[in-house]
Amino acid sequence: MRSLALRRAGHEVALAFDPPSALQQLHNCDLLIMDLRFLNGAGLPDYREGLALIREIRASGSQVPVLVLSGWPDDLYGEPEEKMVSRVMLKPVPTRDLLATIAALVPPKQA
């Protein structure tokens, strides 16, 4: 649903459902929008998986802006990874606010 709204606004969207997939697509994106909670090895949602992804993104040398959409931002606040992201937004995020944030984080491409 969110990807459709982004596409309608003129953005290219690639989806990744786990941290390894997100890392594989990282070199092709201008912005990474992510949740913190991914399934862990036991199949349970775990914010530590998202924190690990943020660390891996920065360890790879990527400076791509990272926008975290989370229903539990306290999982990130105060952690070292908080300084590694560009913005944190509390879910649910209205589409107009998301689009405004994307516009602020990603400069327009030169023609």
Protein backbone atom coordinates (compact mmCIF):
# COMPACT_ATOMS: atom_id res chain seq x y z
CA MET A 1 0.00 0.00 0.00
CA ARG A 2 2.75 2.47 0.95
CA SER A 3 4.81 1.50 -2.09
CA LEU A 4 1.85 2.31 -4.37
CA ALA A 5 1.54 5.80 -2.88
CA LEU A 6 5.27 6.38 -3.37
CA ARG A 7 5.12 5.17 -6.97
CA ARG A 8 2.15 7.44 -7.67
CA ALA A 9 4.23 10.32 -6.33
CA GLY A 10 6.91 9.51 -8.93
CA HIS A 11 9.35 7.51 -6.83
CA GLU A 12 10.95 4.24 -7.85
CA VAL A 13 10.41 1.63 -5.15
CA ALA A 14 12.29 -1.59 -4.47
CA LEU A 15 11.08 -3.81 -1.65
CA ALA A 16 13.19 -5.87 0.71
CA PHE A 17 11.64 -8.04 3.40
CA ASP A 18 14.78 -8.89 5.36
CA PRO A 19 18.10 -7.23 6.18
CA PRO A 20 20.21 -9.23 3.67
CA SER A 21 17.88 -8.22 0.84
CA ALA A 22 18.01 -4.59 1.94
CA LEU A 23 21.80 -4.65 1.94
CA GLN A 24 21.87 -6.13 -1.56
CA GLN A 25 19.74 -3.31 -2.93
CA LEU A 26 21.47 -0.54 -1.02
CA HIS A 27 23.81 0.51 -3.82
CA ASN A 28 20.82 1.24 -6.09
CA CYS A 29 18.87 3.53 -3.79
CA ASP A 30 18.81 7.19 -2.84
CA LEU A 31 16.98 6.55 0.43
CA LEU A 32 16.30 3.54 2.63
CA ILE A 33 12.99 3.50 4.46
CA MET A 34 12.89 0.78 7.08
CA ASP A 35 11.17 -0.51 10.16
CA LEU A 36 13.25 -1.61 13.12
CA ARG A 37 11.61 -4.95 13.72
CA PHE A 38 12.59 -7.82 11.47
CA LEU A 39 12.12 -11.50 12.19
CA ASN A 40 14.98 -12.98 14.16
CA GLY A 41 16.28 -16.54 13.99
CA ALA A 42 13.36 -17.73 16.12
CA GLY A 43 10.87 -16.12 13.74
CA LEU A 44 9.91 -13.34 16.17
CA PRO A 45 9.91 -9.59 15.45
CA ASP A 46 13.07 -8.18 17.00
CA TYR A 47 14.26 -4.56 16.97
CA ARG A 48 17.86 -5.74 17.37
CA GLU A 49 17.69 -7.00 13.78
CA GLY A 50 16.98 -3.44 12.62
CA LEU A 51 19.77 -2.01 14.76
CA ALA A 52 22.16 -4.56 13.23
CA LEU A 53 21.03 -3.56 9.73
CA ILE A 54 21.72 0.11 10.48
CA ARG A 55 25.22 -0.79 11.71
CA GLU A 56 25.87 -2.93 8.62
CA ILE A 57 24.75 -0.13 6.30
CA ARG A 58 27.18 2.30 7.88
CA ALA A 59 29.96 -0.30 8.15
CA SER A 60 29.64 -0.83 4.39
CA GLY A 61 30.56 2.82 3.91
CA SER A 62 27.15 3.77 2.57
CA GLN A 63 26.01 7.29 3.33
CA VAL A 64 22.50 6.71 1.96
CA PRO A 65 19.92 8.49 4.12
CA VAL A 66 18.05 6.05 6.38
CA LEU A 67 14.49 6.84 7.41
CA VAL A 68 13.13 4.66 10.20
CA LEU A 69 9.37 4.24 10.49
CA SER A 70 8.56 2.55 13.76
CA GLY A 71 5.71 2.02 16.15
CA TRP A 72 8.31 1.64 18.90
CA PRO A 73 10.90 4.39 18.37
CA ASP A 74 12.07 3.99 21.97
CA ASP A 75 13.86 0.86 20.71
CA LEU A 76 16.19 3.22 18.83
CA TYR A 77 16.31 6.33 21.00
CA GLY A 78 19.47 6.51 23.07
CA GLU A 79 21.17 3.72 21.11
CA PRO A 80 24.35 4.46 19.10
CA GLU A 81 22.44 3.59 15.91
CA GLU A 82 20.13 6.58 16.45
CA LYS A 83 22.99 8.83 15.30
CA MET A 84 23.42 6.71 12.17
CA VAL A 85 19.93 7.41 10.80
CA SER A 86 18.64 10.53 9.11
CA ARG A 87 15.17 10.62 10.62
CA VAL A 88 12.82 8.59 12.82
CA MET A 89 9.06 8.81 12.36
CA LEU A 90 6.40 7.30 14.59
CA LYS A 91 3.99 4.98 12.76
CA PRO A 92 1.43 5.39 11.44
CA VAL A 93 2.91 8.09 9.22
CA PRO A 94 0.50 10.03 7.02
CA THR A 95 1.47 9.78 3.36
CA ARG A 96 1.80 13.56 2.96
CA ASP A 97 4.26 13.67 5.90
CA LEU A 98 6.24 10.78 4.47
CA LEU A 99 6.44 12.46 1.05
CA ALA A 100 7.55 15.73 2.65
CA THR A 101 10.25 13.92 4.61
CA ILE A 102 11.48 12.11 1.49
CA ALA A 103 11.68 15.44 -0.33
CA ALA A 104 13.73 16.88 2.54
CA LEU A 105 16.14 13.91 2.65
CA VAL A 106 16.66 13.26 -1.05
CA PRO A 107 17.77 16.13 -3.29
CA PRO A 108 16.10 16.27 -6.70
CA LYS A 109 18.04 14.59 -9.51
CA GLN A 110 19.63 16.84 -12.07
CA ALA A 111 18.19 16.49 -15.57
